[in-house]
Amino acid sequence: MERKLAVILAADVVGFSRLMEVDEERTHAALNTCNSAIAGLVSKHSGRIFAVAGDSFLAEFASPVEAMRAAIEFQEDVSGCEFRGNPPPHSEMMPPPNSEN
């Protein structure tokens, strides 16, 4: 059996279900925008996405260095992914857990 070194990057969107409850269309549009950026970064760093499920994905890289570079760029780019248009302030989207509101 042939062996190979592989680095797996797993990621998902924090709070995705809550965001979908607030505004499904804008959340889905933002997810699509982010997914396109992610696919480009994975490819740029010689990786491949091999599984996608809802708001999460798994990507494989042959190089740990390239996986880390992709992850860092991914974090920087995704921090700019927002709802299309003006998102409601976090406090208006949904009250925090155990809130009296």
N, C-alpha and C. Protein backbone atom coordinates (compact mmCIF):
# COMPACT_ATOMS: atom_id res chain seq x y z
N MET A 1 0.84 -1.17 0.00
CA MET A 1 0.00 0.00 0.00
C MET A 1 0.89 1.24 0.00
N GLU A 2 0.56 2.18 -0.88
CA GLU A 2 1.31 3.43 -0.96
C GLU A 2 0.84 4.39 0.12
N ARG A 3 1.79 5.06 0.75
CA ARG A 3 1.46 6.03 1.79
C ARG A 3 1.81 7.43 1.30
N LYS A 4 1.11 8.42 1.79
CA LYS A 4 1.44 9.79 1.45
C LYS A 4 1.13 10.69 2.63
N LEU A 5 1.86 11.77 2.72
CA LEU A 5 1.63 12.77 3.74
C LEU A 5 0.44 13.63 3.30
N ALA A 6 -0.50 13.84 4.17
CA ALA A 6 -1.63 14.70 3.86
C ALA A 6 -1.98 15.53 5.08
N VAL A 7 -2.28 16.78 4.83
CA VAL A 7 -2.74 17.69 5.88
C VAL A 7 -4.19 18.00 5.56
N ILE A 8 -5.06 17.84 6.55
CA ILE A 8 -6.49 18.08 6.36
C ILE A 8 -6.88 19.36 7.07
N LEU A 9 -7.51 20.25 6.34
CA LEU A 9 -8.05 21.49 6.89
C LEU A 9 -9.56 21.34 6.95
N ALA A 10 -10.13 21.49 8.13
CA ALA A 10 -11.58 21.42 8.32
C ALA A 10 -12.06 22.77 8.83
N ALA A 11 -13.16 23.24 8.26
CA ALA A 11 -13.70 24.54 8.70
C ALA A 11 -15.21 24.56 8.53
N ASP A 12 -15.85 25.37 9.38
CA ASP A 12 -17.27 25.63 9.21
C ASP A 12 -17.57 27.04 9.70
N VAL A 13 -18.78 27.50 9.44
CA VAL A 13 -19.20 28.84 9.80
C VAL A 13 -19.78 28.83 11.21
N VAL A 14 -19.20 29.61 12.08
CA VAL A 14 -19.71 29.71 13.45
C VAL A 14 -21.04 30.48 13.42
N GLY A 15 -22.05 29.91 14.07
CA GLY A 15 -23.34 30.58 14.16
C GLY A 15 -24.18 30.50 12.90
N PHE A 16 -23.85 29.58 12.00
CA PHE A 16 -24.55 29.51 10.71
C PHE A 16 -26.06 29.28 10.88
N SER A 17 -26.44 28.38 11.73
CA SER A 17 -27.87 28.10 11.92
C SER A 17 -28.61 29.34 12.41
N ARG A 18 -28.01 30.05 13.34
CA ARG A 18 -28.62 31.28 13.85
C ARG A 18 -28.75 32.31 12.74
N LEU A 19 -27.70 32.46 11.94
CA LEU A 19 -27.75 33.42 10.84
C LEU A 19 -28.82 33.04 9.81
N MET A 20 -28.97 31.74 9.55
CA MET A 20 -30.01 31.30 8.61
C MET A 20 -31.40 31.62 9.15
N GLU A 21 -31.58 31.51 10.46
CA GLU A 21 -32.88 31.85 11.05
C GLU A 21 -33.20 33.33 10.89
N VAL A 22 -32.17 34.17 10.98
CA VAL A 22 -32.37 35.62 10.89
C VAL A 22 -32.67 36.05 9.46
N ASP A 23 -31.86 35.59 8.51
CA ASP A 23 -32.06 36.00 7.11
C ASP A 23 -31.42 34.95 6.20
N GLU A 24 -32.24 34.01 5.78
CA GLU A 24 -31.75 32.87 5.01
C GLU A 24 -31.13 33.30 3.68
N GLU A 25 -31.76 34.20 2.96
CA GLU A 25 -31.25 34.59 1.64
C GLU A 25 -29.90 35.28 1.72
N ARG A 26 -29.77 36.24 2.63
CA ARG A 26 -28.49 36.95 2.75
C ARG A 26 -27.40 36.05 3.30
N THR A 27 -27.75 35.17 4.23
CA THR A 27 -26.76 34.24 4.77
C THR A 27 -26.27 33.29 3.68
N HIS A 28 -27.17 32.77 2.88
CA HIS A 28 -26.80 31.86 1.80
C HIS A 28 -25.93 32.57 0.77
N ALA A 29 -26.28 33.83 0.44
CA ALA A 29 -25.47 34.60 -0.51
C ALA A 29 -24.06 34.83 0.05
N ALA A 30 -23.97 35.17 1.34
CA ALA A 30 -22.65 35.38 1.96
C ALA A 30 -21.85 34.09 1.97
N LEU A 31 -22.50 32.96 2.25
CA LEU A 31 -21.82 31.66 2.24
C LEU A 31 -21.27 31.36 0.85
N ASN A 32 -22.06 31.61 -0.19
CA ASN A 32 -21.59 31.36 -1.56
C ASN A 32 -20.38 32.23 -1.89
N THR A 33 -20.41 33.48 -1.47
CA THR A 33 -19.27 34.38 -1.71
C THR A 33 -18.02 33.86 -1.01
N CYS A 34 -18.18 33.47 0.24
CA CYS A 34 -17.04 32.94 1.00
C CYS A 34 -16.54 31.63 0.41
N ASN A 35 -17.45 30.75 0.00
CA ASN A 35 -17.05 29.48 -0.58
C ASN A 35 -16.22 29.67 -1.85
N SER A 36 -16.59 30.66 -2.66
CA SER A 36 -15.81 30.94 -3.88
C SER A 36 -14.39 31.39 -3.52
N ALA A 37 -14.30 32.26 -2.51
CA ALA A 37 -12.98 32.73 -2.07
C ALA A 37 -12.15 31.58 -1.52
N ILE A 38 -12.79 30.73 -0.74
CA ILE A 38 -12.10 29.59 -0.13
C ILE A 38 -11.58 28.64 -1.21
N ALA A 39 -12.42 28.33 -2.19
CA ALA A 39 -12.00 27.42 -3.26
C ALA A 39 -10.78 27.97 -3.98
N GLY A 40 -10.75 29.27 -4.22
CA GLY A 40 -9.60 29.89 -4.87
C GLY A 40 -8.34 29.79 -4.02
N LEU A 41 -8.48 30.00 -2.71
CA LEU A 41 -7.32 29.92 -1.82
C LEU A 41 -6.79 28.49 -1.70
N VAL A 42 -7.68 27.54 -1.62
CA VAL A 42 -7.25 26.14 -1.52
C VAL A 42 -6.47 25.77 -2.78
N SER A 43 -7.00 26.13 -3.93
CA SER A 43 -6.32 25.84 -5.20
C SER A 43 -4.98 26.58 -5.29
N LYS A 44 -4.98 27.84 -4.89
CA LYS A 44 -3.75 28.65 -4.92
C LYS A 44 -2.63 28.00 -4.12
N HIS A 45 -2.97 27.29 -3.06
CA HIS A 45 -1.98 26.67 -2.19
C HIS A 45 -1.86 25.16 -2.44
N SER A 46 -2.19 24.76 -3.65
CA SER A 46 -2.03 23.37 -4.11
C SER A 46 -2.80 22.36 -3.28
N GLY A 47 -3.99 22.77 -2.85
CA GLY A 47 -4.85 21.85 -2.12
C GLY A 47 -6.07 21.50 -2.94
N ARG A 48 -6.91 20.67 -2.36
CA ARG A 48 -8.16 20.31 -3.03
C ARG A 48 -9.24 20.12 -1.98
N ILE A 49 -10.42 20.65 -2.27
CA ILE A 49 -11.57 20.44 -1.40
C ILE A 49 -12.15 19.09 -1.78
N PHE A 50 -12.29 18.21 -0.79
CA PHE A 50 -12.80 16.87 -1.10
C PHE A 50 -14.13 16.57 -0.43
N ALA A 51 -14.62 17.47 0.39
CA ALA A 51 -15.94 17.27 1.00
C ALA A 51 -16.54 18.61 1.39
N VAL A 52 -17.82 18.76 1.11
CA VAL A 52 -18.57 19.95 1.50
C VAL A 52 -19.90 19.47 2.05
N ALA A 53 -20.28 20.02 3.20
CA ALA A 53 -21.57 19.69 3.80
C ALA A 53 -22.14 20.96 4.43
N GLY A 54 -23.13 21.54 3.77
CA GLY A 54 -23.74 22.76 4.30
C GLY A 54 -22.73 23.88 4.40
N ASP A 55 -22.43 24.29 5.62
CA ASP A 55 -21.51 25.41 5.84
C ASP A 55 -20.09 24.96 6.18
N SER A 56 -19.77 23.69 5.97
CA SER A 56 -18.43 23.20 6.31
C SER A 56 -17.76 22.56 5.09
N PHE A 57 -16.44 22.45 5.19
CA PHE A 57 -15.69 21.79 4.12
C PHE A 57 -14.44 21.13 4.68
N LEU A 58 -13.92 20.19 3.93
CA LEU A 58 -12.64 19.53 4.22
C LEU A 58 -11.75 19.71 3.01
N ALA A 59 -10.51 20.12 3.25
CA ALA A 59 -9.55 20.29 2.16
C ALA A 59 -8.27 19.52 2.50
N GLU A 60 -7.64 18.99 1.49
CA GLU A 60 -6.41 18.22 1.64
C GLU A 60 -5.25 18.98 1.00
N PHE A 61 -4.13 18.99 1.69
CA PHE A 61 -2.90 19.61 1.20
C PHE A 61 -1.76 18.62 1.37
N ALA A 62 -0.81 18.63 0.44
CA ALA A 62 0.37 17.78 0.56
C ALA A 62 1.42 18.43 1.46
N SER A 63 1.35 19.75 1.61
CA SER A 63 2.36 20.48 2.37
C SER A 63 1.72 21.14 3.60
N PRO A 64 2.27 20.87 4.79
CA PRO A 64 1.78 21.56 5.99
C PRO A 64 1.95 23.07 5.89
N VAL A 65 3.03 23.52 5.26
CA VAL A 65 3.28 24.95 5.11
C VAL A 65 2.19 25.59 4.25
N GLU A 66 1.86 24.95 3.14
CA GLU A 66 0.81 25.49 2.26
C GLU A 66 -0.55 25.44 2.93
N ALA A 67 -0.81 24.41 3.72
CA ALA A 67 -2.07 24.33 4.46
C ALA A 67 -2.19 25.50 5.44
N MET A 68 -1.12 25.81 6.13
CA MET A 68 -1.13 26.93 7.07
C MET A 68 -1.28 28.26 6.35
N ARG A 69 -0.60 28.40 5.23
CA ARG A 69 -0.74 29.64 4.46
C ARG A 69 -2.18 29.82 4.00
N ALA A 70 -2.77 28.75 3.52
CA ALA A 70 -4.16 28.81 3.07
C ALA A 70 -5.09 29.16 4.24
N ALA A 71 -4.85 28.53 5.40
CA ALA A 71 -5.69 28.78 6.57
C ALA A 71 -5.60 30.23 7.03
N ILE A 72 -4.40 30.77 7.01
CA ILE A 72 -4.21 32.17 7.42
C ILE A 72 -4.91 33.11 6.45
N GLU A 73 -4.70 32.90 5.16
CA GLU A 73 -5.37 33.74 4.16
C GLU A 73 -6.88 33.58 4.24
N PHE A 74 -7.31 32.36 4.48
CA PHE A 74 -8.73 32.05 4.62
C PHE A 74 -9.33 32.88 5.76
N GLN A 75 -8.69 32.89 6.91
CA GLN A 75 -9.18 33.66 8.06
C GLN A 75 -9.22 35.16 7.73
N GLU A 76 -8.20 35.65 7.06
CA GLU A 76 -8.16 37.07 6.72
C GLU A 76 -9.27 37.42 5.73
N ASP A 77 -9.47 36.58 4.71
CA ASP A 77 -10.50 36.85 3.70
C ASP A 77 -11.91 36.67 4.24
N VAL A 78 -12.13 35.64 5.03
CA VAL A 78 -13.47 35.35 5.52
C VAL A 78 -13.93 36.41 6.51
N SER A 79 -13.01 37.04 7.19
CA SER A 79 -13.42 38.10 8.12
C SER A 79 -14.09 39.24 7.38
N GLY A 80 -13.84 39.34 6.07
CA GLY A 80 -14.49 40.37 5.27
C GLY A 80 -15.78 39.92 4.62
N CYS A 81 -16.12 38.64 4.69
CA CYS A 81 -17.37 38.14 4.11
C CYS A 81 -18.53 38.55 5.01
N GLU A 82 -19.43 39.30 4.46
CA GLU A 82 -20.60 39.75 5.22
C GLU A 82 -21.85 39.47 4.40
N PHE A 83 -22.96 39.78 5.01
CA PHE A 83 -24.20 39.75 4.25
C PHE A 83 -24.09 40.75 3.11
N ARG A 84 -24.79 40.48 2.02
CA ARG A 84 -24.86 41.48 0.95
C ARG A 84 -25.75 42.59 1.46
N GLY A 85 -25.38 43.81 1.20
CA GLY A 85 -26.14 44.94 1.73
C GLY A 85 -25.67 45.22 3.14
N ASN A 86 -26.50 45.82 3.92
CA ASN A 86 -26.14 46.17 5.29
C ASN A 86 -26.70 45.15 6.25
N PRO A 87 -25.84 44.38 6.91
CA PRO A 87 -26.34 43.39 7.87
C PRO A 87 -26.90 44.09 9.10
N PRO A 88 -27.89 43.47 9.73
CA PRO A 88 -28.36 44.06 10.98
C PRO A 88 -27.29 43.93 12.04
N PRO A 89 -27.21 44.89 12.97
CA PRO A 89 -26.24 44.74 14.05
C PRO A 89 -26.48 43.44 14.79
N HIS A 90 -25.41 42.86 15.33
CA HIS A 90 -25.51 41.56 16.01
C HIS A 90 -26.61 41.58 17.06
N SER A 91 -26.73 42.69 17.79
CA SER A 91 -27.73 42.75 18.87
C SER A 91 -29.15 42.69 18.33
N GLU A 92 -29.37 43.09 17.07
CA GLU A 92 -30.70 43.03 16.49
C GLU A 92 -31.00 41.69 15.84
N MET A 93 -29.95 40.90 15.59
CA MET A 93 -30.16 39.64 14.89
C MET A 93 -30.84 38.63 15.80
N MET A 94 -30.36 38.47 16.99
CA MET A 94 -30.94 37.52 17.92
C MET A 94 -30.37 37.81 19.29
N PRO A 95 -31.22 37.82 20.29
CA PRO A 95 -30.69 38.08 21.63
C PRO A 95 -29.74 36.97 22.08
N PRO A 96 -28.77 37.29 22.92
CA PRO A 96 -27.86 36.25 23.41
C PRO A 96 -28.61 35.20 24.21
N PRO A 97 -28.06 34.00 24.33
CA PRO A 97 -28.71 32.95 25.11
C PRO A 97 -28.99 33.43 26.53
N ASN A 98 -30.07 32.94 27.10
CA ASN A 98 -30.48 33.27 28.46
C ASN A 98 -30.80 34.75 28.65
N SER A 99 -31.18 35.41 27.55
CA SER A 99 -31.55 36.82 27.62
C SER A 99 -32.98 36.96 28.09
N GLU A 100 -33.28 38.03 28.76
CA GLU A 100 -34.62 38.29 29.26
C GLU A 100 -35.51 38.86 28.16
N ASN A 101 -34.97 39.22 27.00
CA ASN A 101 -35.74 39.84 25.92
C ASN A 101 -36.71 38.92 25.37
